[in-house]
N, C-alpha and C. Protein backbone atom coordinates (compact mmCIF):
# COMPACT_ATOMS: atom_id res chain seq x y z
N MET A 1 0.66 -1.24 0.06
CA MET A 1 -0.23 -0.02 -0.14
C MET A 1 0.56 1.36 0.12
N ALA A 2 2.05 1.10 0.64
CA ALA A 2 3.07 2.17 0.58
C ALA A 2 3.20 2.60 -0.64
N GLU A 3 3.81 1.77 -1.12
CA GLU A 3 4.47 2.06 -2.30
C GLU A 3 3.63 2.70 -3.28
N HIS A 4 2.02 2.01 -3.54
CA HIS A 4 1.32 2.44 -4.12
C HIS A 4 1.14 3.66 -3.69
N ARG A 5 1.24 4.32 -2.65
CA ARG A 5 0.79 5.75 -2.51
C ARG A 5 2.12 6.64 -2.91
N THR A 6 3.05 5.82 -3.02
CA THR A 6 4.38 6.48 -3.53
C THR A 6 4.51 6.54 -4.75
N MET A 7 3.95 5.75 -5.34
CA MET A 7 3.71 5.62 -6.88
C MET A 7 3.03 6.79 -7.10
N GLN A 8 1.56 6.94 -6.66
CA GLN A 8 0.73 8.34 -7.39
C GLN A 8 1.36 9.57 -6.84
N ARG A 9 2.33 9.52 -5.43
CA ARG A 9 2.92 10.82 -5.57
C ARG A 9 3.69 11.17 -6.50
N ALA A 10 4.42 10.13 -6.93
CA ALA A 10 5.47 10.29 -7.80
C ALA A 10 4.61 10.90 -9.48
N ALA A 11 3.96 9.99 -9.04
CA ALA A 11 2.87 10.60 -10.79
C ALA A 11 2.36 11.59 -11.03
N LEU A 12 2.04 12.26 -9.43
CA LEU A 12 0.86 13.50 -9.33
C LEU A 12 2.19 14.97 -9.68
N LEU A 13 3.51 14.64 -8.78
CA LEU A 13 4.44 15.30 -8.80
C LEU A 13 5.24 15.40 -10.64
N ASP A 14 4.89 14.51 -11.24
CA ASP A 14 5.67 14.25 -12.77
C ASP A 14 4.32 14.90 -13.58
N ALA A 15 3.05 15.10 -13.38
CA ALA A 15 2.09 15.76 -13.91
C ALA A 15 2.18 17.07 -13.60
N ALA A 16 2.45 17.83 -12.43
CA ALA A 16 2.87 19.28 -11.88
C ALA A 16 3.86 19.66 -12.78
N ARG A 17 4.90 18.39 -12.81
CA ARG A 17 6.13 19.36 -13.98
C ARG A 17 5.46 19.82 -15.04
N THR A 18 4.68 18.77 -15.83
CA THR A 18 4.60 18.69 -16.99
C THR A 18 3.51 19.84 -17.02
N LEU A 19 2.34 20.27 -16.53
CA LEU A 19 1.56 21.14 -15.97
C LEU A 19 2.08 22.26 -16.24
N LEU A 20 3.16 22.59 -15.26
CA LEU A 20 4.19 23.88 -15.25
C LEU A 20 4.72 24.17 -16.24
N THR A 21 5.52 23.06 -16.91
CA THR A 21 6.09 23.32 -18.25
C THR A 21 5.45 23.82 -19.20
N GLU A 22 4.33 23.31 -19.23
CA GLU A 22 3.33 23.94 -20.27
C GLU A 22 2.30 25.19 -20.38
N GLY A 23 2.12 25.09 -19.33
CA GLY A 23 1.22 26.02 -19.14
C GLY A 23 1.51 27.37 -17.39
N GLY A 24 2.78 27.15 -17.08
CA GLY A 24 2.92 27.98 -15.75
C GLY A 24 2.28 27.94 -14.59
N THR A 25 2.26 28.37 -14.02
CA THR A 25 1.73 28.29 -12.31
C THR A 25 0.21 28.12 -12.45
N ASP A 26 -0.55 28.99 -13.63
CA ASP A 26 -2.01 29.24 -13.91
C ASP A 26 -2.44 27.47 -14.33
N ALA A 27 -1.66 26.90 -15.29
CA ALA A 27 -2.12 25.31 -15.59
C ALA A 27 -2.06 24.17 -14.29
N LEU A 28 -1.41 25.13 -13.37
CA LEU A 28 -1.30 23.56 -12.41
C LEU A 28 -2.72 23.96 -11.27
N THR A 29 -3.25 23.11 -11.71
CA THR A 29 -4.70 22.80 -10.84
C THR A 29 -5.26 21.68 -10.27
N PHE A 30 -5.51 21.46 -9.31
CA PHE A 30 -5.80 20.32 -8.83
C PHE A 30 -7.14 19.32 -9.71
N PRO A 31 -7.91 19.94 -10.63
CA PRO A 31 -8.53 19.07 -11.86
C PRO A 31 -7.88 18.72 -12.91
N ALA A 32 -6.81 19.37 -13.38
CA ALA A 32 -5.77 18.88 -14.10
C ALA A 32 -5.00 17.69 -13.54
N LEU A 33 -4.32 18.03 -12.17
CA LEU A 33 -3.74 16.74 -11.73
C LEU A 33 -4.61 15.62 -11.87
N ALA A 34 -6.03 15.31 -11.56
CA ALA A 34 -6.54 14.75 -11.36
C ALA A 34 -6.69 14.22 -12.47
N GLU A 35 -6.95 14.83 -13.99
CA GLU A 35 -6.88 14.41 -15.51
C GLU A 35 -5.80 13.41 -15.82
N ARG A 36 -4.96 14.62 -15.31
CA ARG A 36 -3.20 13.89 -16.00
C ARG A 36 -3.18 12.48 -15.31
N THR A 37 -3.34 12.25 -14.32
CA THR A 37 -3.15 11.05 -13.24
C THR A 37 -4.39 10.17 -13.43
N GLY A 38 -5.07 10.23 -13.71
CA GLY A 38 -6.37 9.49 -14.12
C GLY A 38 -6.81 9.34 -12.25
N LEU A 39 -6.72 10.09 -11.43
CA LEU A 39 -7.11 9.88 -9.75
C LEU A 39 -8.30 10.86 -10.18
N ALA A 40 -9.47 10.31 -8.86
CA ALA A 40 -10.12 11.25 -8.60
C ALA A 40 -9.68 12.76 -7.96
N ARG A 41 -10.07 13.73 -8.47
CA ARG A 41 -9.86 15.03 -7.63
C ARG A 41 -9.89 15.31 -5.57
N SER A 42 -10.76 14.40 -5.37
CA SER A 42 -10.39 13.88 -3.80
C SER A 42 -9.55 13.40 -3.72
N SER A 43 -8.99 12.61 -4.46
CA SER A 43 -7.67 11.83 -4.16
C SER A 43 -6.34 12.53 -3.87
N VAL A 44 -6.62 13.79 -4.83
CA VAL A 44 -5.35 14.88 -5.06
C VAL A 44 -5.21 15.30 -3.73
N TYR A 45 -6.32 15.67 -3.00
CA TYR A 45 -6.38 16.31 -2.14
C TYR A 45 -5.78 15.36 -0.61
N GLU A 46 -5.87 14.37 -0.89
CA GLU A 46 -4.81 13.12 0.19
C GLU A 46 -3.88 13.22 0.08
N TYR A 47 -2.92 13.60 -0.84
CA TYR A 47 -1.80 14.08 -1.27
C TYR A 47 -1.10 15.62 -0.95
N PHE A 48 -2.21 16.26 -1.40
CA PHE A 48 -1.68 17.31 -1.54
C PHE A 48 -3.05 18.82 -0.47
N ARG A 49 -2.80 19.72 0.25
CA ARG A 49 -3.73 19.84 0.46
C ARG A 49 -4.07 21.14 -0.32
N SER A 50 -2.87 21.77 -0.75
CA SER A 50 -2.97 22.80 -1.80
C SER A 50 -1.89 23.00 -3.17
N ARG A 51 -2.30 24.07 -3.65
CA ARG A 51 -1.32 24.16 -5.24
C ARG A 51 -0.05 24.46 -4.17
N ALA A 52 0.50 25.07 -3.41
CA ALA A 52 1.77 25.57 -2.83
C ALA A 52 2.47 24.31 -2.34
N ALA A 53 1.37 23.65 -1.10
CA ALA A 53 1.71 22.25 -1.15
C ALA A 53 2.69 21.11 -2.24
N VAL A 54 2.02 21.33 -3.53
CA VAL A 54 2.67 20.51 -4.68
C VAL A 54 4.03 21.62 -4.88
N VAL A 55 3.76 22.64 -4.52
CA VAL A 55 4.91 23.24 -5.17
C VAL A 55 5.98 23.31 -4.47
N GLU A 56 5.92 23.22 -2.96
CA GLU A 56 6.83 23.20 -2.06
C GLU A 56 7.16 21.75 -2.28
N GLU A 57 6.60 20.95 -2.69
CA GLU A 57 7.29 19.50 -2.63
C GLU A 57 8.39 19.34 -3.91
N LEU A 58 7.78 19.89 -5.01
CA LEU A 58 8.73 19.65 -6.11
C LEU A 58 9.99 20.55 -6.12
N CYS A 59 10.13 21.71 -5.49
CA CYS A 59 10.85 22.56 -5.22
C CYS A 59 12.12 21.56 -4.12
N ALA A 60 11.37 21.04 -3.08
CA ALA A 60 12.52 20.16 -2.19
C ALA A 60 12.66 18.90 -3.03
N VAL A 61 11.86 18.35 -3.92
CA VAL A 61 12.70 17.50 -5.03
C VAL A 61 13.61 17.81 -5.86
N ASP A 62 13.14 18.68 -6.53
CA ASP A 62 13.67 18.90 -7.77
C ASP A 62 15.10 19.64 -7.85
N PHE A 63 14.85 21.05 -7.16
CA PHE A 63 15.93 21.76 -7.29
C PHE A 63 16.99 21.16 -6.25
N PRO A 64 17.41 20.41 -5.50
CA PRO A 64 18.62 19.82 -4.95
C PRO A 64 19.07 19.24 -6.18
N VAL A 65 18.69 18.57 -7.29
CA VAL A 65 18.96 17.61 -8.02
C VAL A 65 19.86 18.57 -9.40
N TRP A 66 19.09 19.71 -9.60
CA TRP A 66 19.78 20.48 -10.73
C TRP A 66 20.64 21.31 -10.22
N ALA A 67 20.45 22.02 -8.53
CA ALA A 67 22.05 22.90 -8.03
C ALA A 67 23.01 21.76 -7.65
N ALA A 68 22.88 20.40 -7.27
CA ALA A 68 24.04 19.25 -7.49
C ALA A 68 24.52 19.26 -8.95
N GLU A 69 23.89 19.54 -9.81
CA GLU A 69 24.54 19.34 -11.19
C GLU A 69 25.04 21.00 -11.27
N VAL A 70 24.89 21.84 -10.98
CA VAL A 70 25.57 23.30 -11.09
C VAL A 70 26.92 23.14 -10.02
N GLU A 71 26.64 22.55 -9.17
CA GLU A 71 27.71 22.81 -8.09
C GLU A 71 28.85 21.80 -8.62
N ALA A 72 28.49 20.40 -9.26
CA ALA A 72 29.55 19.28 -9.65
C ALA A 72 30.06 20.38 -10.53
N ALA A 73 29.55 20.82 -11.70
CA ALA A 73 30.19 21.35 -12.57
C ALA A 73 31.19 22.65 -12.17
N MET A 74 31.09 23.36 -11.35
CA MET A 74 31.68 24.29 -10.59
C MET A 74 33.01 23.81 -10.18
N GLY A 75 32.89 22.43 -9.52
CA GLY A 75 34.05 22.01 -8.52
C GLY A 75 34.75 21.05 -9.68
N ALA A 76 34.30 21.40 -10.79
CA ALA A 76 35.06 20.72 -11.60
C ALA A 76 36.14 21.74 -12.42
N ALA A 77 35.55 22.60 -11.89
CA ALA A 77 36.45 23.97 -12.74
C ALA A 77 37.67 24.22 -11.84
N ASP A 78 38.58 24.90 -12.46
CA ASP A 78 40.11 25.03 -11.75
C ASP A 78 40.21 26.30 -11.25
N THR A 79 39.57 27.54 -11.62
CA THR A 79 40.13 28.61 -11.48
C THR A 79 38.48 29.41 -10.90
N ALA A 80 38.66 30.63 -9.98
CA ALA A 80 37.45 31.11 -9.93
C ALA A 80 36.74 31.38 -10.88
N ALA A 81 37.35 32.03 -12.23
CA ALA A 81 36.84 32.75 -13.14
C ALA A 81 36.11 31.39 -14.00
N ALA A 82 36.59 30.46 -13.90
CA ALA A 82 36.27 29.29 -15.04
C ALA A 82 34.79 28.57 -13.78
N LYS A 83 34.69 28.55 -12.42
CA LYS A 83 33.81 28.25 -11.35
C LYS A 83 32.88 28.70 -11.92
N ILE A 84 32.64 30.65 -11.83
CA ILE A 84 31.64 31.38 -12.36
C ILE A 84 30.91 31.34 -13.77
N GLU A 85 31.76 30.61 -14.86
CA GLU A 85 31.49 30.43 -16.13
C GLU A 85 30.68 29.43 -15.92
N ALA A 86 31.42 28.01 -15.32
CA ALA A 86 30.15 27.09 -14.84
C ALA A 86 29.21 27.07 -14.56
N TYR A 87 29.01 28.17 -13.40
CA TYR A 87 27.88 28.57 -12.77
C TYR A 87 26.74 28.80 -13.82
N VAL A 88 27.11 29.92 -14.52
CA VAL A 88 26.18 30.36 -15.54
C VAL A 88 25.62 29.07 -16.62
N ARG A 89 26.86 28.86 -17.58
CA ARG A 89 26.63 27.72 -18.30
C ARG A 89 25.33 26.57 -17.90
N THR A 90 25.92 26.31 -16.67
CA THR A 90 24.86 24.98 -15.53
C THR A 90 23.40 25.19 -16.05
N GLN A 91 23.57 26.42 -15.63
CA GLN A 91 22.13 26.87 -15.09
C GLN A 91 21.53 27.00 -16.76
N LEU A 92 22.06 27.76 -17.50
CA LEU A 92 21.45 27.75 -19.07
C LEU A 92 21.21 26.26 -19.82
N ALA A 93 22.23 25.41 -19.40
CA ALA A 93 22.18 24.35 -20.22
C ALA A 93 20.98 23.25 -19.66
N LEU A 94 20.39 24.00 -18.73
CA LEU A 94 19.34 23.12 -17.90
C LEU A 94 17.77 23.32 -18.29
N VAL A 95 17.87 24.96 -18.62
CA VAL A 95 16.49 25.40 -19.23
C VAL A 95 15.42 24.35 -20.02
N GLY A 96 16.41 23.82 -21.08
CA GLY A 96 15.43 22.40 -21.03
C GLY A 96 14.77 21.57 -20.49
N ASP A 97 15.72 21.10 -19.26
CA ASP A 97 15.15 20.08 -18.22
C ASP A 97 14.03 20.29 -17.83
N ARG A 98 13.00 19.50 -17.67
CA ARG A 98 11.43 19.93 -17.43
C ARG A 98 12.03 19.80 -15.86
N ARG A 99 12.49 19.44 -14.84
CA ARG A 99 12.80 19.69 -13.54
C ARG A 99 12.79 21.26 -13.20
N HIS A 100 13.52 21.95 -14.23
CA HIS A 100 14.21 22.85 -13.86
C HIS A 100 13.37 24.07 -14.27
N ARG A 101 12.82 23.55 -15.63
CA ARG A 101 11.90 24.83 -16.57
C ARG A 101 10.18 24.70 -15.05
N ALA A 102 10.21 23.84 -14.62
CA ALA A 102 9.00 23.61 -13.35
C ALA A 102 9.43 24.78 -12.35
N VAL A 103 10.69 24.77 -11.91
CA VAL A 103 11.12 25.47 -10.48
C VAL A 103 11.28 26.93 -11.22
N VAL A 104 11.73 26.92 -12.57
CA VAL A 104 11.32 28.22 -13.25
C VAL A 104 9.90 28.72 -13.17
N ALA A 105 9.17 28.30 -13.55
CA ALA A 105 7.71 28.66 -13.41
C ALA A 105 7.11 28.35 -11.97
N ILE A 106 7.88 28.40 -11.39
CA ILE A 106 6.85 28.05 -9.82
C ILE A 106 7.58 29.33 -9.21
N SER A 107 8.96 29.66 -9.44
CA SER A 107 9.39 30.81 -9.33
C SER A 107 8.73 32.21 -9.38
N ALA A 108 8.66 31.93 -10.73
CA ALA A 108 7.38 33.35 -10.95
C ALA A 108 5.87 33.66 -10.74
N GLY A 109 6.02 32.69 -9.70
CA GLY A 109 4.17 32.60 -9.74
C GLY A 109 4.22 33.02 -8.27
N GLU A 110 2.24 33.34 -8.44
CA GLU A 110 2.25 33.59 -7.09
C GLU A 110 1.98 32.68 -6.09
N LEU A 111 2.49 32.61 -4.84
CA LEU A 111 1.88 31.34 -4.30
C LEU A 111 2.37 31.98 -2.63
N ASP A 112 1.96 31.04 -1.53
CA ASP A 112 1.70 31.72 -0.35
C ASP A 112 3.65 31.79 0.00
N SER A 113 3.15 32.29 1.29
CA SER A 113 4.64 32.94 1.80
C SER A 113 5.65 31.87 2.05
N GLY A 114 4.93 30.90 2.51
CA GLY A 114 5.15 29.42 2.94
C GLY A 114 6.58 28.67 1.52
N ALA A 115 5.88 28.73 0.65
CA ALA A 115 6.01 28.41 -0.73
C ALA A 115 7.11 29.36 -0.70
N ARG A 116 6.94 30.64 -1.20
CA ARG A 116 8.02 31.59 -1.60
C ARG A 116 9.49 31.50 -0.73
N GLU A 117 9.04 31.53 1.00
CA GLU A 117 10.14 31.15 1.08
C GLU A 117 11.36 29.78 1.26
N LYS A 118 10.62 28.75 0.77
CA LYS A 118 11.07 28.09 0.30
C LYS A 118 12.05 28.25 -0.93
N ILE A 119 11.22 28.66 -1.61
CA ILE A 119 11.99 28.59 -2.76
C ILE A 119 12.76 29.90 -2.64
N ARG A 120 13.02 30.82 -1.88
CA ARG A 120 14.07 31.80 -1.72
C ARG A 120 15.19 31.17 -1.21
N ALA A 121 15.00 30.44 -0.42
CA ALA A 121 16.11 29.32 0.57
C ALA A 121 17.00 28.54 -0.19
N ALA A 122 15.98 27.96 -1.01
CA ALA A 122 16.81 27.26 -2.15
C ALA A 122 17.50 27.80 -3.38
N HIS A 123 17.36 29.28 -3.59
CA HIS A 123 17.92 29.91 -4.74
C HIS A 123 19.12 30.48 -3.95
N GLY A 124 18.70 30.90 -2.90
CA GLY A 124 19.72 31.48 -1.93
C GLY A 124 21.21 29.99 -1.72
N GLY A 125 20.97 29.24 -1.84
CA GLY A 125 21.99 27.78 -1.40
C GLY A 125 22.61 27.87 -2.73
N LEU A 126 22.23 28.33 -3.76
CA LEU A 126 22.64 28.32 -5.35
C LEU A 126 23.57 29.05 -5.21
N VAL A 127 23.03 30.43 -5.05
CA VAL A 127 24.18 31.94 -4.76
C VAL A 127 24.89 31.73 -4.16
N ALA A 128 24.79 30.95 -2.85
CA ALA A 128 25.96 30.82 -2.30
C ALA A 128 27.24 30.13 -2.61
N MET A 129 26.72 29.30 -3.76
CA MET A 129 28.46 28.07 -4.17
C MET A 129 29.12 29.70 -5.17
N VAL A 130 28.54 30.73 -5.69
CA VAL A 130 29.19 31.35 -6.58
C VAL A 130 30.11 32.61 -5.61
N VAL A 131 29.10 32.77 -4.37
CA VAL A 131 30.34 33.77 -3.83
C VAL A 131 31.52 33.83 -3.28
N GLU A 132 31.92 32.09 -2.98
CA GLU A 132 32.98 32.39 -2.73
C GLU A 132 34.43 32.34 -4.03
N ALA A 133 33.79 31.92 -5.06
CA ALA A 133 34.69 32.49 -6.46
C ALA A 133 34.64 33.78 -6.44
N LEU A 134 33.47 34.50 -6.40
CA LEU A 134 33.48 36.00 -6.92
C LEU A 134 34.60 36.79 -5.67
N ALA A 135 34.36 35.89 -4.30
CA ALA A 135 35.69 36.41 -3.36
C ALA A 135 36.84 36.45 -3.87
N ALA A 136 36.88 35.16 -4.74
CA ALA A 136 38.63 35.03 -5.12
C ALA A 136 38.75 35.66 -6.19
N LEU A 137 37.89 36.50 -7.04
CA LEU A 137 38.16 37.31 -7.90
C LEU A 137 38.84 38.69 -7.26
N GLY A 138 38.48 39.20 -6.44
CA GLY A 138 38.76 40.13 -5.58
C GLY A 138 37.57 41.10 -5.59
N HIS A 139 36.18 40.50 -5.76
CA HIS A 139 35.06 41.20 -5.60
C HIS A 139 34.73 42.26 -4.08
N ALA A 140 34.85 43.22 -4.20
CA ALA A 140 34.60 43.94 -2.11
C ALA A 140 33.32 43.60 -2.05
N GLU A 141 32.18 43.08 -2.59
CA GLU A 141 31.19 42.76 -2.23
C GLU A 141 30.70 41.38 -3.17
N PRO A 142 31.13 40.24 -2.83
CA PRO A 142 30.85 38.97 -3.04
C PRO A 142 29.31 38.70 -3.22
N ARG A 143 28.70 38.59 -2.24
CA ARG A 143 27.30 38.55 -2.03
C ARG A 143 26.17 39.41 -2.65
N LEU A 144 26.97 40.47 -2.33
CA LEU A 144 25.91 41.86 -3.53
C LEU A 144 26.14 41.28 -5.29
N THR A 145 27.25 40.75 -5.58
CA THR A 145 27.68 40.25 -6.85
C THR A 145 27.12 39.09 -7.16
N ALA A 146 26.95 38.26 -6.22
CA ALA A 146 26.38 37.10 -6.79
C ALA A 146 24.98 37.03 -6.82
N MET A 147 24.16 38.05 -6.13
CA MET A 147 22.56 38.33 -6.53
C MET A 147 22.27 39.17 -7.72
N LEU A 148 23.47 39.83 -8.02
CA LEU A 148 22.87 40.45 -9.71
C LEU A 148 23.45 39.84 -10.24
N LEU A 149 24.53 38.48 -10.48
CA LEU A 149 24.68 37.75 -11.17
C LEU A 149 23.55 36.71 -11.62
N GLN A 150 22.87 36.29 -10.35
CA GLN A 150 22.19 35.33 -10.57
C GLN A 150 20.81 36.08 -11.44
N GLY A 151 20.44 37.34 -10.92
CA GLY A 151 19.84 38.37 -12.17
C GLY A 151 19.91 38.32 -13.63
N VAL A 152 21.22 38.53 -14.02
CA VAL A 152 21.51 37.89 -15.31
C VAL A 152 21.10 36.32 -15.94
N VAL A 153 21.61 35.57 -14.58
CA VAL A 153 21.32 34.41 -15.42
C VAL A 153 19.39 34.14 -15.32
N ASP A 154 19.03 34.58 -14.37
CA ASP A 154 17.44 34.63 -14.55
C ASP A 154 16.99 35.43 -15.79
N ALA A 155 17.35 36.37 -15.94
CA ALA A 155 17.24 36.86 -17.45
C ALA A 155 17.31 36.28 -18.65
N ALA A 156 18.56 35.50 -18.51
CA ALA A 156 18.98 34.83 -19.64
C ALA A 156 17.97 33.53 -19.78
N VAL A 157 17.86 32.91 -18.42
CA VAL A 157 17.08 31.69 -18.68
C VAL A 157 15.06 32.34 -19.39
N ARG A 158 14.58 33.25 -18.78
CA ARG A 158 13.66 33.61 -19.43
C ARG A 158 13.96 33.95 -20.77
N ARG A 159 14.58 34.68 -21.34
CA ARG A 159 15.08 34.69 -22.94
C ARG A 159 14.62 33.20 -23.53
N ILE A 160 15.98 32.23 -22.83
CA ILE A 160 15.76 31.19 -23.73
C ILE A 160 14.29 30.93 -23.80
N GLU A 161 13.53 30.44 -22.39
CA GLU A 161 12.06 29.87 -22.00
C GLU A 161 11.40 30.86 -22.95
N LEU A 162 11.48 32.16 -23.26
CA LEU A 162 10.34 32.63 -24.05
C LEU A 162 10.72 32.35 -25.67
N GLY A 163 11.81 31.62 -26.35
CA GLY A 163 12.01 31.11 -27.34
C GLY A 163 12.32 32.50 -28.15
N ALA A 164 13.31 33.39 -27.45
CA ALA A 164 13.56 34.49 -28.02
C ALA A 164 14.27 34.78 -29.70
N ALA A 165 14.27 35.43 -30.10
CA ALA A 165 14.39 35.83 -31.47
C ALA A 165 16.40 35.42 -30.99
N GLU A 166 17.08 35.43 -30.59
CA GLU A 166 18.41 34.88 -30.81
C GLU A 166 18.38 34.09 -30.26
N ASP A 167 19.33 32.68 -30.95
CA ASP A 167 20.00 31.38 -30.59
C ASP A 167 20.17 31.03 -29.05
N PRO A 168 19.71 30.03 -28.27
CA PRO A 168 20.21 29.89 -26.91
C PRO A 168 21.91 29.95 -26.70
N ASP A 169 22.24 29.53 -27.89
CA ASP A 169 23.75 29.54 -27.33
C ASP A 169 24.31 31.04 -27.05
N ARG A 170 23.53 31.99 -28.41
CA ARG A 170 24.16 33.53 -28.18
C ARG A 170 23.11 33.51 -27.15
N ILE A 171 22.43 33.62 -26.54
CA ILE A 171 21.98 33.98 -25.42
C ILE A 171 23.32 33.75 -24.06
N THR A 172 23.46 32.31 -23.99
CA THR A 172 24.59 32.02 -22.97
C THR A 172 25.58 32.58 -23.54
N GLU A 173 26.09 32.97 -24.41
CA GLU A 173 27.51 33.66 -24.51
C GLU A 173 27.15 34.65 -24.11
N ALA A 174 26.72 35.59 -24.05
CA ALA A 174 26.36 36.92 -23.50
C ALA A 174 25.92 37.06 -22.52
N ALA A 175 25.51 35.92 -21.65
CA ALA A 175 25.37 36.07 -20.23
C ALA A 175 26.35 35.42 -19.72
N VAL A 176 27.55 34.79 -19.93
CA VAL A 176 29.11 34.55 -19.86
C VAL A 176 29.74 35.47 -19.53
N SER A 177 29.75 36.21 -20.95
CA SER A 177 30.34 37.29 -21.08
C SER A 177 30.00 38.20 -20.20
N MET A 178 28.98 38.59 -19.83
CA MET A 178 28.94 39.88 -18.92
C MET A 178 29.00 39.73 -17.37
N ALA A 179 29.02 38.11 -17.34
CA ALA A 179 29.38 37.56 -15.89
C ALA A 179 30.58 37.57 -15.85
N LEU A 180 31.35 37.31 -16.48
CA LEU A 180 33.10 37.63 -16.27
C LEU A 180 33.35 39.08 -16.69
N HIS A 181 32.76 39.71 -17.44
CA HIS A 181 33.45 41.12 -17.83
C HIS A 181 32.87 42.23 -18.18
N GLY A 182 31.49 42.04 -17.49
CA GLY A 182 30.62 43.32 -17.40
C GLY A 182 29.87 43.73 -18.59
N VAL A 183 29.89 44.85 -18.44
CA VAL A 183 29.13 45.07 -20.17
C VAL A 183 29.91 46.11 -20.94
N ASP A 184 31.10 46.48 -20.35
CA ASP A 184 32.05 46.87 -21.58
C ASP A 184 32.52 46.02 -22.26
N PRO A 185 32.43 46.07 -23.62
CA PRO A 185 32.52 45.54 -24.94
C PRO A 185 34.14 45.55 -25.26
N ARG A 186 34.97 46.13 -24.44
CA ARG A 186 36.42 46.44 -24.45
C ARG A 186 37.18 45.32 -23.61
N ARG A 187 36.53 44.65 -22.68
CA ARG A 187 37.04 44.16 -21.65
C ARG A 187 36.65 42.60 -22.36
N SER A 188 36.35 42.39 -22.82
CA SER A 188 35.55 40.53 -23.13
C SER A 188 36.99 40.06 -24.18
């Protein structure tokens, strides 16, 4: 019985990822989850009390997986600049990954304060990974710089997600260049 419940919970989370990827937070409804999984709507409520609870669990399950991929890429880099480049490139390379797309859709959504706090904490952990590399490069305010750098990454993610006119590789190269050289084209 417990294994069956675990499988149904996993199916609900997978359906939630698909809904978020296809239609953002507006698409994540209990009737849609029920339809995607073949469960009765009342059964969905047995697993999750609210949309925010679904989102919190998705963040708890998915965010650490792709954050670990970013951390591994940074760990494999041998200089501070290479670590920062890996931080940007890996996040942008994961844009097509459904786990990443779901977390991006969640981050943009209007959710209750508990869910927003969990997302903020998870993002804080990701940003903390780059602070040390920025400090090694001599940034006077590495935490502030890390937050601004994540803003560049988030903007590039949105640009790729929107299917912007530019090729995703060009968006990635522009984000890496901005991360490493700022906006002065003479420094690239």
